[in-house]
Amino acid sequence: MLNIGDLVKASYTEECYEIAFGCSKITQERNPGIVMDFNSIKYFVLWRNGELKAYSEGQLEVISESR
């Protein structure tokens, strides 16, 4: 389970999906990100490039857990 403040990156599946549809640079520009908020369905991630996007838990991989 992800928590607010966790450092995350796109999961392997998400990276493959973006490569398949020609968006591979987007993943590189976004990683890493910080979980800013969540609800029962989505996690809201603030990416390195300043984007704030919503993802399901399966689309993210934890790099470092918050304290």
N, C-alpha and C. Protein backbone atom coordinates (compact mmCIF):
# COMPACT_ATOMS: atom_id res chain seq x y z
N MET A 1 0.84 -1.18 0.00
CA MET A 1 0.00 0.00 0.00
C MET A 1 0.88 1.25 0.00
N LEU A 2 0.51 2.22 -0.77
CA LEU A 2 1.24 3.47 -0.86
C LEU A 2 0.75 4.43 0.21
N ASN A 3 1.64 5.30 0.66
CA ASN A 3 1.31 6.32 1.66
C ASN A 3 1.70 7.69 1.14
N ILE A 4 1.11 8.72 1.73
CA ILE A 4 1.48 10.08 1.38
C ILE A 4 2.95 10.30 1.71
N GLY A 5 3.68 10.88 0.78
CA GLY A 5 5.10 11.14 0.96
C GLY A 5 6.02 10.10 0.37
N ASP A 6 5.48 8.96 -0.08
CA ASP A 6 6.31 7.93 -0.71
C ASP A 6 6.86 8.45 -2.03
N LEU A 7 8.11 8.11 -2.30
CA LEU A 7 8.74 8.41 -3.58
C LEU A 7 8.42 7.25 -4.52
N VAL A 8 7.83 7.55 -5.67
CA VAL A 8 7.37 6.50 -6.58
C VAL A 8 7.87 6.73 -8.00
N LYS A 9 7.75 5.69 -8.80
CA LYS A 9 8.01 5.78 -10.23
C LYS A 9 6.93 4.97 -10.93
N ALA A 10 6.82 5.13 -12.23
CA ALA A 10 5.86 4.36 -13.00
C ALA A 10 6.25 2.88 -12.97
N SER A 11 5.27 2.00 -12.86
CA SER A 11 5.54 0.57 -12.83
C SER A 11 6.06 0.11 -14.20
N TYR A 12 6.62 -1.08 -14.22
CA TYR A 12 7.13 -1.65 -15.46
C TYR A 12 6.01 -1.75 -16.50
N THR A 13 4.83 -2.16 -16.06
CA THR A 13 3.68 -2.28 -16.96
C THR A 13 3.31 -0.92 -17.55
N GLU A 14 3.30 0.11 -16.73
CA GLU A 14 2.97 1.46 -17.19
C GLU A 14 4.01 1.96 -18.20
N GLU A 15 5.29 1.69 -17.93
CA GLU A 15 6.35 2.10 -18.86
C GLU A 15 6.20 1.40 -20.21
N CYS A 16 5.88 0.09 -20.18
CA CYS A 16 5.69 -0.66 -21.43
C CYS A 16 4.50 -0.13 -22.22
N TYR A 17 3.44 0.22 -21.52
CA TYR A 17 2.25 0.78 -22.17
C TYR A 17 2.60 2.09 -22.87
N GLU A 18 3.34 2.95 -22.21
CA GLU A 18 3.71 4.24 -22.81
C GLU A 18 4.67 4.07 -23.98
N ILE A 19 5.57 3.10 -23.89
CA ILE A 19 6.48 2.83 -25.01
C ILE A 19 5.70 2.31 -26.22
N ALA A 20 4.74 1.43 -25.96
CA ALA A 20 3.94 0.84 -27.05
C ALA A 20 3.14 1.90 -27.80
N PHE A 21 2.74 2.95 -27.10
CA PHE A 21 1.95 3.99 -27.74
C PHE A 21 2.74 5.26 -28.04
N GLY A 22 4.08 5.14 -28.04
CA GLY A 22 4.93 6.24 -28.47
C GLY A 22 5.10 7.37 -27.49
N CYS A 23 4.97 7.11 -26.21
CA CYS A 23 5.07 8.16 -25.19
C CYS A 23 6.23 7.90 -24.23
N SER A 24 7.28 7.24 -24.67
CA SER A 24 8.35 6.81 -23.76
C SER A 24 9.07 7.98 -23.09
N LYS A 25 9.15 9.12 -23.73
CA LYS A 25 9.83 10.27 -23.12
C LYS A 25 9.04 10.83 -21.94
N ILE A 26 7.72 10.66 -21.96
CA ILE A 26 6.88 11.16 -20.88
C ILE A 26 7.27 10.50 -19.56
N THR A 27 7.45 9.18 -19.56
CA THR A 27 7.83 8.46 -18.34
C THR A 27 9.16 8.95 -17.81
N GLN A 28 10.13 9.16 -18.68
CA GLN A 28 11.45 9.62 -18.26
C GLN A 28 11.39 11.02 -17.66
N GLU A 29 10.54 11.89 -18.21
CA GLU A 29 10.42 13.25 -17.70
C GLU A 29 9.71 13.30 -16.36
N ARG A 30 8.80 12.37 -16.11
CA ARG A 30 8.01 12.39 -14.89
C ARG A 30 8.76 11.80 -13.70
N ASN A 31 9.46 10.68 -13.89
CA ASN A 31 10.07 9.97 -12.76
C ASN A 31 11.15 10.78 -12.09
N PRO A 32 11.31 10.75 -10.80
CA PRO A 32 10.41 10.16 -9.80
C PRO A 32 9.32 11.15 -9.41
N GLY A 33 8.38 10.67 -8.59
CA GLY A 33 7.29 11.51 -8.11
C GLY A 33 7.00 11.23 -6.65
N ILE A 34 6.20 12.09 -6.04
CA ILE A 34 5.84 11.96 -4.63
C ILE A 34 4.32 11.83 -4.53
N VAL A 35 3.86 10.85 -3.75
CA VAL A 35 2.43 10.70 -3.51
C VAL A 35 1.98 11.86 -2.63
N MET A 36 1.07 12.68 -3.16
CA MET A 36 0.61 13.87 -2.44
C MET A 36 -0.70 13.63 -1.70
N ASP A 37 -1.55 12.77 -2.25
CA ASP A 37 -2.86 12.52 -1.65
C ASP A 37 -3.41 11.23 -2.26
N PHE A 38 -4.45 10.67 -1.64
CA PHE A 38 -5.10 9.51 -2.20
C PHE A 38 -6.53 9.42 -1.71
N ASN A 39 -7.35 8.69 -2.47
CA ASN A 39 -8.70 8.36 -2.04
C ASN A 39 -8.85 6.85 -2.16
N SER A 40 -10.04 6.34 -2.12
CA SER A 40 -10.23 4.89 -2.15
C SER A 40 -9.90 4.26 -3.50
N ILE A 41 -9.78 5.08 -4.54
CA ILE A 41 -9.53 4.55 -5.89
C ILE A 41 -8.18 4.96 -6.46
N LYS A 42 -7.79 6.21 -6.30
CA LYS A 42 -6.61 6.75 -6.98
C LYS A 42 -5.60 7.37 -6.01
N TYR A 43 -4.34 7.38 -6.46
CA TYR A 43 -3.25 8.07 -5.77
C TYR A 43 -2.86 9.26 -6.63
N PHE A 44 -2.68 10.40 -6.00
CA PHE A 44 -2.33 11.62 -6.73
C PHE A 44 -0.83 11.87 -6.55
N VAL A 45 -0.12 11.89 -7.67
CA VAL A 45 1.35 11.96 -7.66
C VAL A 45 1.81 13.27 -8.28
N LEU A 46 2.70 13.96 -7.57
CA LEU A 46 3.36 15.15 -8.10
C LEU A 46 4.69 14.70 -8.69
N TRP A 47 4.79 14.80 -10.02
CA TRP A 47 5.98 14.35 -10.72
C TRP A 47 7.07 15.41 -10.73
N ARG A 48 8.27 14.99 -11.03
CA ARG A 48 9.45 15.87 -11.09
C ARG A 48 9.24 17.03 -12.05
N ASN A 49 8.52 16.81 -13.13
CA ASN A 49 8.30 17.88 -14.12
C ASN A 49 7.14 18.80 -13.74
N GLY A 50 6.55 18.63 -12.55
CA GLY A 50 5.50 19.52 -12.06
C GLY A 50 4.08 19.07 -12.32
N GLU A 51 3.90 17.98 -13.04
CA GLU A 51 2.56 17.46 -13.30
C GLU A 51 1.98 16.79 -12.05
N LEU A 52 0.69 16.96 -11.83
CA LEU A 52 -0.03 16.27 -10.77
C LEU A 52 -1.05 15.38 -11.46
N LYS A 53 -0.87 14.06 -11.34
CA LYS A 53 -1.74 13.11 -12.04
C LYS A 53 -2.23 12.04 -11.08
N ALA A 54 -3.37 11.44 -11.44
CA ALA A 54 -3.99 10.38 -10.64
C ALA A 54 -3.66 9.01 -11.23
N TYR A 55 -3.34 8.05 -10.37
CA TYR A 55 -2.99 6.69 -10.79
C TYR A 55 -3.59 5.68 -9.84
N SER A 56 -3.82 4.47 -10.35
CA SER A 56 -4.20 3.37 -9.46
C SER A 56 -2.92 2.78 -8.88
N GLU A 57 -3.05 1.99 -7.83
CA GLU A 57 -1.87 1.46 -7.14
C GLU A 57 -1.01 0.58 -8.05
N GLY A 58 -1.62 -0.15 -8.96
CA GLY A 58 -0.88 -1.04 -9.85
C GLY A 58 -0.03 -0.32 -10.88
N GLN A 59 -0.27 0.96 -11.08
CA GLN A 59 0.48 1.73 -12.05
C GLN A 59 1.74 2.35 -11.46
N LEU A 60 1.95 2.21 -10.15
CA LEU A 60 3.08 2.84 -9.47
C LEU A 60 3.93 1.82 -8.73
N GLU A 61 5.20 2.15 -8.59
CA GLU A 61 6.15 1.33 -7.86
C GLU A 61 6.88 2.21 -6.85
N VAL A 62 6.97 1.77 -5.60
CA VAL A 62 7.61 2.56 -4.56
C VAL A 62 9.12 2.48 -4.70
N ILE A 63 9.78 3.65 -4.70
CA ILE A 63 11.23 3.73 -4.70
C ILE A 63 11.72 3.84 -3.26
N SER A 64 11.08 4.71 -2.50
CA SER A 64 11.46 4.94 -1.11
C SER A 64 10.21 5.30 -0.30
N GLU A 65 10.05 4.65 0.84
CA GLU A 65 8.89 4.90 1.68
C GLU A 65 9.10 6.13 2.56
N SER A 66 7.99 6.84 2.83
CA SER A 66 8.06 7.98 3.74
C SER A 66 8.20 7.47 5.17
N ARG A 67 8.61 8.34 6.06
CA ARG A 67 8.80 7.93 7.46
C ARG A 67 7.51 7.92 8.20
